[in-house]
């Protein structure tokens, strides 16, 4: 009997270890699911050879397939960060992504949508921002289209360097997860000033940008209503739109989260596996 008990205990230990390993693997997969990105930005062109005082433009485009079959984008924040001692974003001219992106049978189409928009400039903190959102956040759009045309001026007294303009503060708000921003694949644009000189100057993401609510200029939304700095109509539920970090609405784990409800699943699998193993071996 003792050898059988030893074998049973060994088998139980192995099963428990496997269950814990499987559960841990599933738990590690949850954050990846919460951060999975089905969207990406692109900039064209990506590099410039410039001299102090030059002005150039580039186009930012976005492809976004949502994350689920019934998913769609209802808001996005394009944030541009740059080293202000070398560069200045002088204009962000928005494109019509929400109307131009849908194409094909598989994409969520909205031919006549009400879009809210704001553009903000904060050169003191080296940042510019375009925010667009649908007036109705319950429906969204997927597809590919230009987001904006960006005009950049090289500072007249800029020293030779490779200055980078980055877009990694950009994110989108999805209909399926209104309290989780969807991160994007975000490229950079590089400016080789006077040959570059070998020094690469990257911008700092400054949380203080736009914090006073009056930095730079803000455009009116397309429907003519007033917009807050996040691009949301102030009398139509501002927490439904994308805020300055791209988060879609509340971030306190409200009912809009499709991923937080799924998080306990790996722990449940561990408990069930351990209990089942114990019951089976206890009968021996």
C-alpha atoms as a PDB file:
ATOM      1  CA  UNK A   1       0.000   0.000   0.000  1.00  0.00           C
ATOM      2  CA  UNK A   2       2.792   2.400   0.819  1.00  0.00           C
ATOM      3  CA  UNK A   3       4.394   2.194  -2.678  1.00  0.00           C
ATOM      4  CA  UNK A   4       0.963   2.871  -4.184  1.00  0.00           C
ATOM      5  CA  UNK A   5       0.465   5.839  -1.889  1.00  0.00           C
ATOM      6  CA  UNK A   6       3.878   7.173  -2.786  1.00  0.00           C
ATOM      7  CA  UNK A   7       3.112   6.802  -6.476  1.00  0.00           C
ATOM      8  CA  UNK A   8      -0.232   8.488  -5.906  1.00  0.00           C
ATOM      9  CA  UNK A   9       1.355  11.406  -4.085  1.00  0.00           C
ATOM     10  CA  UNK A  10       3.991  11.735  -6.790  1.00  0.00           C
ATOM     11  CA  UNK A  11       1.329  11.729  -9.486  1.00  0.00           C
ATOM     12  CA  UNK A  12      -0.676  14.298  -7.539  1.00  0.00           C
ATOM     13  CA  UNK A  13       2.361  16.551  -7.226  1.00  0.00           C
ATOM     14  CA  UNK A  14       3.016  16.257 -10.956  1.00  0.00           C
ATOM     15  CA  UNK A  15      -0.592  17.048 -11.841  1.00  0.00           C
ATOM     16  CA  UNK A  16      -0.654  20.017  -9.494  1.00  0.00           C
ATOM     17  CA  UNK A  17       2.574  21.299 -11.017  1.00  0.00           C
ATOM     18  CA  UNK A  18       1.192  20.941 -14.540  1.00  0.00           C
ATOM     19  CA  UNK A  19      -2.041  22.681 -13.559  1.00  0.00           C
ATOM     20  CA  UNK A  20      -0.135  25.562 -11.998  1.00  0.00           C
ATOM     21  CA  UNK A  21       2.093  25.839 -15.061  1.00  0.00           C
ATOM     22  CA  UNK A  22      -0.879  25.898 -17.420  1.00  0.00           C
ATOM     23  CA  UNK A  23      -2.654  28.443 -15.243  1.00  0.00           C
ATOM     24  CA  UNK A  24       0.413  30.657 -15.053  1.00  0.00           C
ATOM     25  CA  UNK A  25       0.799  30.502 -18.821  1.00  0.00           C
ATOM     26  CA  UNK A  26      -2.817  31.533 -19.244  1.00  0.00           C
ATOM     27  CA  UNK A  27      -2.428  34.340 -16.734  1.00  0.00           C
ATOM     28  CA  UNK A  28       0.580  35.666 -18.588  1.00  0.00           C
ATOM     29  CA  UNK A  29      -1.445  35.595 -21.784  1.00  0.00           C
ATOM     30  CA  UNK A  30      -4.133  37.889 -20.382  1.00  0.00           C
ATOM     31  CA  UNK A  31      -2.097  41.116 -20.474  1.00  0.00           C
ATOM     32  CA  UNK A  32      -1.037  40.261 -24.014  1.00  0.00           C
ATOM     33  CA  UNK A  33      -4.686  39.972 -24.971  1.00  0.00           C
ATOM     34  CA  UNK A  34      -5.427  43.295 -23.310  1.00  0.00           C
ATOM     35  CA  UNK A  35      -2.616  44.916 -25.248  1.00  0.00           C
ATOM     36  CA  UNK A  36      -2.954  43.138 -28.567  1.00  0.00           C
ATOM     37  CA  UNK A  37      -2.933  45.585 -31.415  1.00  0.00           C
ATOM     38  CA  UNK A  38      -4.690  45.165 -34.721  1.00  0.00           C
ATOM     39  CA  UNK A  39      -3.754  48.692 -35.717  1.00  0.00           C
ATOM     40  CA  UNK A  40      -0.666  50.417 -37.019  1.00  0.00           C
ATOM     41  CA  UNK A  41       0.425  53.879 -38.079  1.00  0.00           C
ATOM     42  CA  UNK A  42       2.699  54.667 -40.994  1.00  0.00           C
ATOM     43  CA  UNK A  43       4.449  57.877 -41.973  1.00  0.00           C
ATOM     44  CA  UNK A  44       5.507  58.850 -45.476  1.00  0.00           C
ATOM     45  CA  UNK A  45       8.210  59.842 -46.040  1.00  0.00           C
ATOM     46  CA  UNK A  46      10.006  58.568 -42.952  1.00  0.00           C
ATOM     47  CA  UNK A  47      13.266  60.517 -43.316  1.00  0.00           C
ATOM     48  CA  UNK A  48      14.289  63.990 -44.462  1.00  0.00           C
ATOM     49  CA  UNK A  49      17.586  65.658 -45.280  1.00  0.00           C
ATOM     50  CA  UNK A  50      17.026  69.238 -44.160  1.00  0.00           C
ATOM     51  CA  UNK A  51      18.777  72.464 -43.262  1.00  0.00           C
ATOM     52  CA  UNK A  52      17.934  74.971 -40.521  1.00  0.00           C
ATOM     53  CA  UNK A  53      14.851  76.976 -41.485  1.00  0.00           C
ATOM     54  CA  UNK A  54      13.447  74.320 -43.859  1.00  0.00           C
ATOM     55  CA  UNK A  55       9.772  73.348 -43.786  1.00  0.00           C
ATOM     56  CA  UNK A  56       8.626  69.868 -44.810  1.00  0.00           C
ATOM     57  CA  UNK A  57       5.430  67.820 -44.694  1.00  0.00           C
ATOM     58  CA  UNK A  58       4.650  64.152 -44.256  1.00  0.00           C
ATOM     59  CA  UNK A  59       1.503  62.046 -44.187  1.00  0.00           C
ATOM     60  CA  UNK A  60       0.340  59.847 -41.332  1.00  0.00           C
ATOM     61  CA  UNK A  61      -1.917  56.907 -42.189  1.00  0.00           C
ATOM     62  CA  UNK A  62      -3.586  54.264 -40.052  1.00  0.00           C
ATOM     63  CA  UNK A  63      -4.722  50.706 -40.677  1.00  0.00           C
ATOM     64  CA  UNK A  64      -7.001  49.283 -38.018  1.00  0.00           C
ATOM     65  CA  UNK A  65      -9.038  46.076 -38.050  1.00  0.00           C
ATOM     66  CA  UNK A  66     -10.316  46.370 -34.504  1.00  0.00           C
ATOM     67  CA  UNK A  67      -9.730  43.294 -32.371  1.00  0.00           C
ATOM     68  CA  UNK A  68     -12.933  41.298 -32.796  1.00  0.00           C
ATOM     69  CA  UNK A  69     -15.405  40.554 -35.571  1.00  0.00           C
ATOM     70  CA  UNK A  70     -17.863  43.173 -34.340  1.00  0.00           C
ATOM     71  CA  UNK A  71     -15.178  45.623 -33.262  1.00  0.00           C
ATOM     72  CA  UNK A  72     -14.476  49.083 -34.604  1.00  0.00           C
ATOM     73  CA  UNK A  73     -12.628  52.315 -33.900  1.00  0.00           C
ATOM     74  CA  UNK A  74     -14.776  55.130 -32.547  1.00  0.00           C
ATOM     75  CA  UNK A  75     -11.975  57.489 -31.536  1.00  0.00           C
ATOM     76  CA  UNK A  76      -8.258  58.045 -31.826  1.00  0.00           C
ATOM     77  CA  UNK A  77      -5.567  60.360 -30.532  1.00  0.00           C
ATOM     78  CA  UNK A  78      -2.593  61.108 -32.765  1.00  0.00           C
ATOM     79  CA  UNK A  79       0.146  62.561 -30.597  1.00  0.00           C
ATOM     80  CA  UNK A  80       3.368  63.908 -32.090  1.00  0.00           C
ATOM     81  CA  UNK A  81       6.371  64.474 -29.827  1.00  0.00           C
ATOM     82  CA  UNK A  82       9.503  66.261 -31.014  1.00  0.00           C
ATOM     83  CA  UNK A  83      12.637  67.969 -29.612  1.00  0.00           C
ATOM     84  CA  UNK A  84      11.540  71.595 -29.717  1.00  0.00           C
ATOM     85  CA  UNK A  85      15.095  72.946 -29.848  1.00  0.00           C
ATOM     86  CA  UNK A  86      15.368  71.358 -33.305  1.00  0.00           C
ATOM     87  CA  UNK A  87      11.823  71.060 -34.683  1.00  0.00           C
ATOM     88  CA  UNK A  88       8.378  72.616 -34.450  1.00  0.00           C
ATOM     89  CA  UNK A  89       5.109  71.108 -35.657  1.00  0.00           C
ATOM     90  CA  UNK A  90       3.422  74.096 -37.242  1.00  0.00           C
ATOM     91  CA  UNK A  91       0.293  72.401 -38.598  1.00  0.00           C
ATOM     92  CA  UNK A  92      -1.627  69.155 -38.276  1.00  0.00           C
ATOM     93  CA  UNK A  93      -4.184  69.018 -41.078  1.00  0.00           C
ATOM     94  CA  UNK A  94      -6.650  66.257 -40.354  1.00  0.00           C
ATOM     95  CA  UNK A  95      -7.785  63.800 -42.993  1.00  0.00           C
ATOM     96  CA  UNK A  96     -11.175  62.105 -43.127  1.00  0.00           C
ATOM     97  CA  UNK A  97     -10.177  58.709 -41.718  1.00  0.00           C
ATOM     98  CA  UNK A  98     -13.597  57.733 -40.395  1.00  0.00           C
ATOM     99  CA  UNK A  99     -15.254  58.240 -43.778  1.00  0.00           C
ATOM    100  CA  UNK A 100     -12.421  57.109 -46.034  1.00  0.00           C
ATOM    101  CA  UNK A 101     -11.168  54.060 -44.120  1.00  0.00           C
ATOM    102  CA  UNK A 102     -14.116  51.668 -44.632  1.00  0.00           C
ATOM    103  CA  UNK A 103     -13.652  49.546 -47.748  1.00  0.00           C
ATOM    104  CA  UNK A 104     -14.794  46.055 -48.680  1.00  0.00           C
ATOM    105  CA  UNK A 105     -17.410  43.717 -47.264  1.00  0.00           C
ATOM    106  CA  UNK A 106     -15.416  42.895 -44.139  1.00  0.00           C
ATOM    107  CA  UNK A 107     -15.029  46.459 -42.917  1.00  0.00           C
ATOM    108  CA  UNK A 108     -17.452  48.342 -40.727  1.00  0.00           C
ATOM    109  CA  UNK A 109     -18.822  51.067 -42.967  1.00  0.00           C
ATOM    110  CA  UNK A 110     -20.145  54.452 -41.920  1.00  0.00           C
ATOM    111  CA  UNK A 111     -20.860  56.618 -44.920  1.00  0.00           C
ATOM    112  CA  UNK A 112     -22.489  59.469 -43.028  1.00  0.00           C
ATOM    113  CA  UNK A 113     -21.036  59.950 -39.571  1.00  0.00           C
ATOM    114  CA  UNK A 114     -20.714  62.878 -37.218  1.00  0.00           C
ATOM    115  CA  UNK A 115     -17.065  63.362 -36.284  1.00  0.00           C
ATOM    116  CA  UNK A 116     -15.739  65.511 -33.449  1.00  0.00           C
ATOM    117  CA  UNK A 117     -12.250  66.887 -33.758  1.00  0.00           C
ATOM    118  CA  UNK A 118      -9.666  68.987 -31.975  1.00  0.00           C
ATOM    119  CA  UNK A 119      -6.092  69.952 -32.812  1.00  0.00           C
ATOM    120  CA  UNK A 120      -3.752  71.241 -30.108  1.00  0.00           C
ATOM    121  CA  UNK A 121      -0.201  72.592 -30.239  1.00  0.00           C
ATOM    122  CA  UNK A 122       2.124  72.849 -27.253  1.00  0.00           C
ATOM    123  CA  UNK A 123       5.544  73.781 -28.591  1.00  0.00           C
ATOM    124  CA  UNK A 124       6.801  74.580 -25.109  1.00  0.00           C
ATOM    125  CA  UNK A 125       6.573  70.879 -24.301  1.00  0.00           C
ATOM    126  CA  UNK A 126       7.368  69.688 -27.820  1.00  0.00           C
ATOM    127  CA  UNK A 127       3.995  68.151 -28.624  1.00  0.00           C
ATOM    128  CA  UNK A 128       1.079  68.402 -31.017  1.00  0.00           C
ATOM    129  CA  UNK A 129      -2.130  66.434 -30.907  1.00  0.00           C
ATOM    130  CA  UNK A 130      -5.048  65.536 -33.165  1.00  0.00           C
ATOM    131  CA  UNK A 131      -8.112  63.935 -31.586  1.00  0.00           C
ATOM    132  CA  UNK A 132     -11.075  62.627 -33.554  1.00  0.00           C
ATOM    133  CA  UNK A 133     -14.062  60.656 -32.309  1.00  0.00           C
ATOM    134  CA  UNK A 134     -17.463  59.589 -33.531  1.00  0.00           C
ATOM    135  CA  UNK A 135     -20.457  61.289 -31.969  1.00  0.00           C
ATOM    136  CA  UNK A 136     -21.951  57.818 -31.502  1.00  0.00           C
ATOM    137  CA  UNK A 137     -19.355  55.684 -29.675  1.00  0.00           C
ATOM    138  CA  UNK A 138     -21.432  52.499 -29.927  1.00  0.00           C
ATOM    139  CA  UNK A 139     -20.509  51.975 -33.568  1.00  0.00           C
ATOM    140  CA  UNK A 140     -17.051  52.036 -35.058  1.00  0.00           C
ATOM    141  CA  UNK A 141     -15.007  51.947 -38.233  1.00  0.00           C
ATOM    142  CA  UNK A 142     -12.259  49.675 -39.529  1.00  0.00           C
ATOM    143  CA  UNK A 143     -10.042  50.054 -42.563  1.00  0.00           C
ATOM    144  CA  UNK A 144      -7.091  51.991 -43.929  1.00  0.00           C
ATOM    145  CA  UNK A 145      -6.788  55.686 -44.768  1.00  0.00           C
ATOM    146  CA  UNK A 146      -4.699  58.816 -44.114  1.00  0.00           C
ATOM    147  CA  UNK A 147      -5.093  60.362 -40.673  1.00  0.00           C
ATOM    148  CA  UNK A 148      -3.341  63.695 -41.133  1.00  0.00           C
ATOM    149  CA  UNK A 149      -0.784  65.733 -43.027  1.00  0.00           C
ATOM    150  CA  UNK A 150       1.840  67.166 -40.686  1.00  0.00           C
ATOM    151  CA  UNK A 151       3.959  70.248 -41.380  1.00  0.00           C
ATOM    152  CA  UNK A 152       7.278  70.556 -39.552  1.00  0.00           C
ATOM    153  CA  UNK A 153       9.682  73.500 -39.442  1.00  0.00           C
ATOM    154  CA  UNK A 154      13.352  73.031 -38.659  1.00  0.00           C
ATOM    155  CA  UNK A 155      14.482  75.647 -36.168  1.00  0.00           C
ATOM    156  CA  UNK A 156      16.688  78.327 -37.790  1.00  0.00           C
ATOM    157  CA  UNK A 157      19.397  77.881 -35.160  1.00  0.00           C
ATOM    158  CA  UNK A 158      19.275  74.078 -35.050  1.00  0.00           C
ATOM    159  CA  UNK A 159      22.658  72.399 -34.689  1.00  0.00           C
ATOM    160  CA  UNK A 160      23.624  69.438 -36.925  1.00  0.00           C
ATOM    161  CA  UNK A 161      21.850  66.350 -35.582  1.00  0.00           C
ATOM    162  CA  UNK A 162      19.365  63.620 -36.405  1.00  0.00           C
ATOM    163  CA  UNK A 163      16.161  64.803 -34.750  1.00  0.00           C
ATOM    164  CA  UNK A 164      13.336  62.317 -34.293  1.00  0.00           C
ATOM    165  CA  UNK A 165       9.608  63.005 -34.269  1.00  0.00           C
ATOM    166  CA  UNK A 166       7.742  60.176 -32.580  1.00  0.00           C
ATOM    167  CA  UNK A 167       4.130  59.016 -32.605  1.00  0.00           C
ATOM    168  CA  UNK A 168       4.202  56.474 -29.775  1.00  0.00           C
ATOM    169  CA  UNK A 169       1.770  58.489 -27.659  1.00  0.00           C
ATOM    170  CA  UNK A 170      -0.912  57.540 -30.193  1.00  0.00           C
ATOM    171  CA  UNK A 171      -3.754  55.120 -29.482  1.00  0.00           C
ATOM    172  CA  UNK A 172      -7.335  54.349 -30.439  1.00  0.00           C
ATOM    173  CA  UNK A 173     -10.590  53.737 -28.598  1.00  0.00           C
ATOM    174  CA  UNK A 174     -12.509  50.605 -29.595  1.00  0.00           C
ATOM    175  CA  UNK A 175     -16.218  49.873 -29.344  1.00  0.00           C
ATOM    176  CA  UNK A 176     -15.599  46.558 -27.564  1.00  0.00           C
ATOM    177  CA  UNK A 177     -13.325  47.971 -24.850  1.00  0.00           C
ATOM    178  CA  UNK A 178     -14.320  51.505 -24.106  1.00  0.00           C
ATOM    179  CA  UNK A 179     -12.221  51.726 -20.938  1.00  0.00           C
ATOM    180  CA  UNK A 180      -9.038  50.359 -22.514  1.00  0.00           C
ATOM    181  CA  UNK A 181      -7.065  52.275 -25.159  1.00  0.00           C
ATOM    182  CA  UNK A 182      -5.756  50.164 -28.013  1.00  0.00           C
ATOM    183  CA  UNK A 183      -2.029  50.762 -28.541  1.00  0.00           C
ATOM    184  CA  UNK A 184      -0.734  50.977 -32.082  1.00  0.00           C
ATOM    185  CA  UNK A 185       2.430  50.147 -33.924  1.00  0.00           C
ATOM    186  CA  UNK A 186       3.921  53.638 -34.085  1.00  0.00           C
ATOM    187  CA  UNK A 187       6.760  54.748 -36.382  1.00  0.00           C
ATOM    188  CA  UNK A 188       9.054  57.750 -36.172  1.00  0.00           C
ATOM    189  CA  UNK A 189      10.108  60.383 -38.684  1.00  0.00           C
ATOM    190  CA  UNK A 190      13.771  61.393 -38.698  1.00  0.00           C
ATOM    191  CA  UNK A 191      15.233  64.726 -39.761  1.00  0.00           C
ATOM    192  CA  UNK A 192      18.900  64.752 -40.769  1.00  0.00           C
ATOM    193  CA  UNK A 193      19.788  68.362 -40.052  1.00  0.00           C
ATOM    194  CA  UNK A 194      22.863  69.632 -41.892  1.00  0.00           C
ATOM    195  CA  UNK A 195      24.069  66.109 -42.539  1.00  0.00           C
ATOM    196  CA  UNK A 196      23.120  64.763 -39.125  1.00  0.00           C
ATOM    197  CA  UNK A 197      26.447  65.042 -37.343  1.00  0.00           C
ATOM    198  CA  UNK A 198      26.081  61.580 -35.827  1.00  0.00           C
ATOM    199  CA  UNK A 199      23.972  62.719 -32.866  1.00  0.00           C
ATOM    200  CA  UNK A 200      20.446  61.316 -32.543  1.00  0.00           C
ATOM    201  CA  UNK A 201      18.085  63.531 -30.576  1.00  0.00           C
ATOM    202  CA  UNK A 202      14.880  61.872 -29.396  1.00  0.00           C
ATOM    203  CA  UNK A 203      11.960  63.741 -27.835  1.00  0.00           C
ATOM    204  CA  UNK A 204      10.820  63.295 -24.264  1.00  0.00           C
ATOM    205  CA  UNK A 205       7.185  62.392 -23.705  1.00  0.00           C
ATOM    206  CA  UNK A 206       6.053  65.236 -21.473  1.00  0.00           C
ATOM    207  CA  UNK A 207       2.966  64.553 -19.372  1.00  0.00           C
ATOM    208  CA  UNK A 208       2.638  68.290 -18.796  1.00  0.00           C
ATOM    209  CA  UNK A 209       1.779  68.899 -22.450  1.00  0.00           C
ATOM    210  CA  UNK A 210      -1.762  70.272 -22.906  1.00  0.00           C
ATOM    211  CA  UNK A 211      -2.297  70.121 -19.135  1.00  0.00           C
ATOM    212  CA  UNK A 212      -3.454  73.727 -18.804  1.00  0.00           C
ATOM    213  CA  UNK A 213      -6.214  73.228 -21.359  1.00  0.00           C
ATOM    214  CA  UNK A 214      -5.149  76.359 -23.229  1.00  0.00           C
ATOM    215  CA  UNK A 215      -1.869  75.335 -24.827  1.00  0.00           C
ATOM    216  CA  UNK A 216      -1.582  76.089 -28.499  1.00  0.00           C
ATOM    217  CA  UNK A 217      -4.617  76.274 -30.731  1.00  0.00           C
ATOM    218  CA  UNK A 218      -7.763  74.191 -30.767  1.00  0.00           C
ATOM    219  CA  UNK A 219     -10.023  73.827 -33.757  1.00  0.00           C
ATOM    220  CA  UNK A 220     -13.778  73.544 -33.629  1.00  0.00           C
ATOM    221  CA  UNK A 221     -15.269  70.128 -34.207  1.00  0.00           C
ATOM    222  CA  UNK A 222     -16.709  69.291 -37.618  1.00  0.00           C
ATOM    223  CA  UNK A 223     -20.282  69.558 -36.421  1.00  0.00           C
ATOM    224  CA  UNK A 224     -19.642  73.064 -35.113  1.00  0.00           C
ATOM    225  CA  UNK A 225     -20.047  72.224 -31.436  1.00  0.00           C
ATOM    226  CA  UNK A 226     -17.495  73.119 -28.808  1.00  0.00           C
ATOM    227  CA  UNK A 227     -14.915  70.451 -28.046  1.00  0.00           C
ATOM    228  CA  UNK A 228     -12.770  69.991 -24.975  1.00  0.00           C
ATOM    229  CA  UNK A 229      -9.005  69.417 -25.391  1.00  0.00           C
ATOM    230  CA  UNK A 230      -9.733  65.715 -25.910  1.00  0.00           C
ATOM    231  CA  UNK A 231     -11.930  66.409 -28.885  1.00  0.00           C
ATOM    232  CA  UNK A 232     -15.198  65.511 -27.191  1.00  0.00           C
ATOM    233  CA  UNK A 233     -18.380  67.528 -27.263  1.00  0.00           C
ATOM    234  CA  UNK A 234     -18.643  69.008 -23.783  1.00  0.00           C
ATOM    235  CA  UNK A 235     -22.373  68.394 -23.512  1.00  0.00           C
ATOM    236  CA  UNK A 236     -22.486  64.909 -24.976  1.00  0.00           C
ATOM    237  CA  UNK A 237     -20.668  62.672 -22.541  1.00  0.00           C
ATOM    238  CA  UNK A 238     -17.007  63.527 -22.826  1.00  0.00           C
ATOM    239  CA  UNK A 239     -15.926  60.317 -21.136  1.00  0.00           C
ATOM    240  CA  UNK A 240     -17.053  58.352 -24.193  1.00  0.00           C
ATOM    241  CA  UNK A 241     -14.297  59.735 -26.390  1.00  0.00           C
ATOM    242  CA  UNK A 242     -10.563  59.215 -26.561  1.00  0.00           C
ATOM    243  CA  UNK A 243      -8.672  61.306 -24.032  1.00  0.00           C
ATOM    244  CA  UNK A 244      -5.227  62.767 -24.551  1.00  0.00           C
ATOM    245  CA  UNK A 245      -3.540  59.410 -23.988  1.00  0.00           C
ATOM    246  CA  UNK A 246      -5.983  57.641 -26.226  1.00  0.00           C
ATOM    247  CA  UNK A 247      -7.920  55.916 -23.480  1.00  0.00           C
ATOM    248  CA  UNK A 248     -11.504  55.377 -24.419  1.00  0.00           C
ATOM    249  CA  UNK A 249     -13.539  56.804 -21.613  1.00  0.00           C
ATOM    250  CA  UNK A 250     -13.367  55.619 -18.006  1.00  0.00           C
ATOM    251  CA  UNK A 251     -10.236  53.800 -16.869  1.00  0.00           C
ATOM    252  CA  UNK A 252     -11.565  52.440 -13.596  1.00  0.00           C
ATOM    253  CA  UNK A 253     -12.649  49.044 -14.863  1.00  0.00           C
ATOM    254  CA  UNK A 254     -16.228  49.826 -15.834  1.00  0.00           C
ATOM    255  CA  UNK A 255     -18.591  47.603 -17.754  1.00  0.00           C
ATOM    256  CA  UNK A 256     -17.029  48.454 -21.090  1.00  0.00           C
ATOM    257  CA  UNK A 257     -14.037  46.196 -20.530  1.00  0.00           C
ATOM    258  CA  UNK A 258     -14.130  43.012 -22.522  1.00  0.00           C
ATOM    259  CA  UNK A 259     -10.802  41.782 -21.197  1.00  0.00           C
ATOM    260  CA  UNK A 260     -11.000  42.330 -17.470  1.00  0.00           C
ATOM    261  CA  UNK A 261     -13.960  39.968 -17.237  1.00  0.00           C
ATOM    262  CA  UNK A 262     -11.813  37.293 -18.853  1.00  0.00           C
ATOM    263  CA  UNK A 263      -8.859  37.692 -16.499  1.00  0.00           C
ATOM    264  CA  UNK A 264      -9.998  35.245 -13.758  1.00  0.00           C
ATOM    265  CA  UNK A 265     -10.253  32.341 -16.248  1.00  0.00           C
ATOM    266  CA  UNK A 266      -6.672  31.036 -15.786  1.00  0.00           C
ATOM    267  CA  UNK A 267      -7.034  31.015 -11.989  1.00  0.00           C
ATOM    268  CA  UNK A 268     -10.269  29.080 -12.312  1.00  0.00           C
ATOM    269  CA  UNK A 269      -8.554  26.520 -14.518  1.00  0.00           C
ATOM    270  CA  UNK A 270      -5.845  26.027 -11.888  1.00  0.00           C
ATOM    271  CA  UNK A 271      -8.366  25.470  -9.092  1.00  0.00           C
ATOM    272  CA  UNK A 272     -10.463  23.048 -11.135  1.00  0.00           C
ATOM    273  CA  UNK A 273      -7.393  21.091 -12.212  1.00  0.00           C
ATOM    274  CA  UNK A 274      -6.025  20.747  -8.689  1.00  0.00           C
ATOM    275  CA  UNK A 275      -9.378  19.712  -7.200  1.00  0.00           C
ATOM    276  CA  UNK A 276     -10.007  17.165  -9.954  1.00  0.00           C
ATOM    277  CA  UNK A 277      -6.567  15.638  -9.507  1.00  0.00           C
ATOM    278  CA  UNK A 278      -7.013  15.391  -5.756  1.00  0.00           C
ATOM    279  CA  UNK A 279     -10.416  13.706  -6.076  1.00  0.00           C
ATOM    280  CA  UNK A 280      -9.211  11.168  -8.626  1.00  0.00           C
ATOM    281  CA  UNK A 281      -6.138  10.196  -6.632  1.00  0.00           C
ATOM    282  CA  UNK A 282      -8.043  10.192  -3.361  1.00  0.00           C
ATOM    283  CA  UNK A 283     -10.123   7.257  -4.587  1.00  0.00           C
ATOM    284  CA  UNK A 284      -7.063   5.024  -4.909  1.00  0.00           C
END
